[in-house]
C-alpha cells in the first residue's frame, strides 16, 4: 500500500509556526513602542489644540479674556478666565480644561512675540473677547524624538497641529 503525501506534516507546520512566533516576538515590541509613542504624542497635541480652540470660542461667547497656561517643567496646562477687574478665575463649566502630558511626552518650546512668564515659569497665552489670539507656536516632543507643533493664528483665530520634520 502506498501513501500519498499531498500536504504538510504536523511537524512541518509546528516548525513554521515556531519560526513565525519567534520573529513576531523579536520585531513586534520594537514596532509597538514606536507606534504607542507616536499615538501618545498625537493625542497630547490634539488635546491641547482642542483646549485652545475651546478657550478661544469661550472668550468670544462670554466676552471675557481667557488664558491658557503652560507649566513647561511639569508638563501641565489649564485654562482660566480673566474678569473685567483683572481677577483670574478658574472655569467651572463641567469640562476638564486641565491636562498633563503623558509619560514620554514633554513641551520642547513655545515661541511667540511677547513671552510672559510668572515667577513659577508658567507661560500664558491670551485669547481676547474680540476673537484674536496671540500668535504662538507650542512645540511638543516625544521621548523617541518625534515632534509636533500647535500653531495659533493671530487674526484668523484658528488652531492647527503640524508634524515637525527635521
Foldseek 3Di string as FASTA:
>chain_A
DDDDDDDDDPVVVVVVVVVVVVVCVVPVVVVVVVVVQVVLQVVVLVLLQVLLLVQQVVCQVVQWKKKWKAQQVQQKIFMWTADPVGDTGHDDPPDPRIDGRDPQKGWPDKDFDDWDADPNRMTMWIHGNVRFTGFMKTWMAGNVGWIKIWTAHGPVGHIDIGTDDD
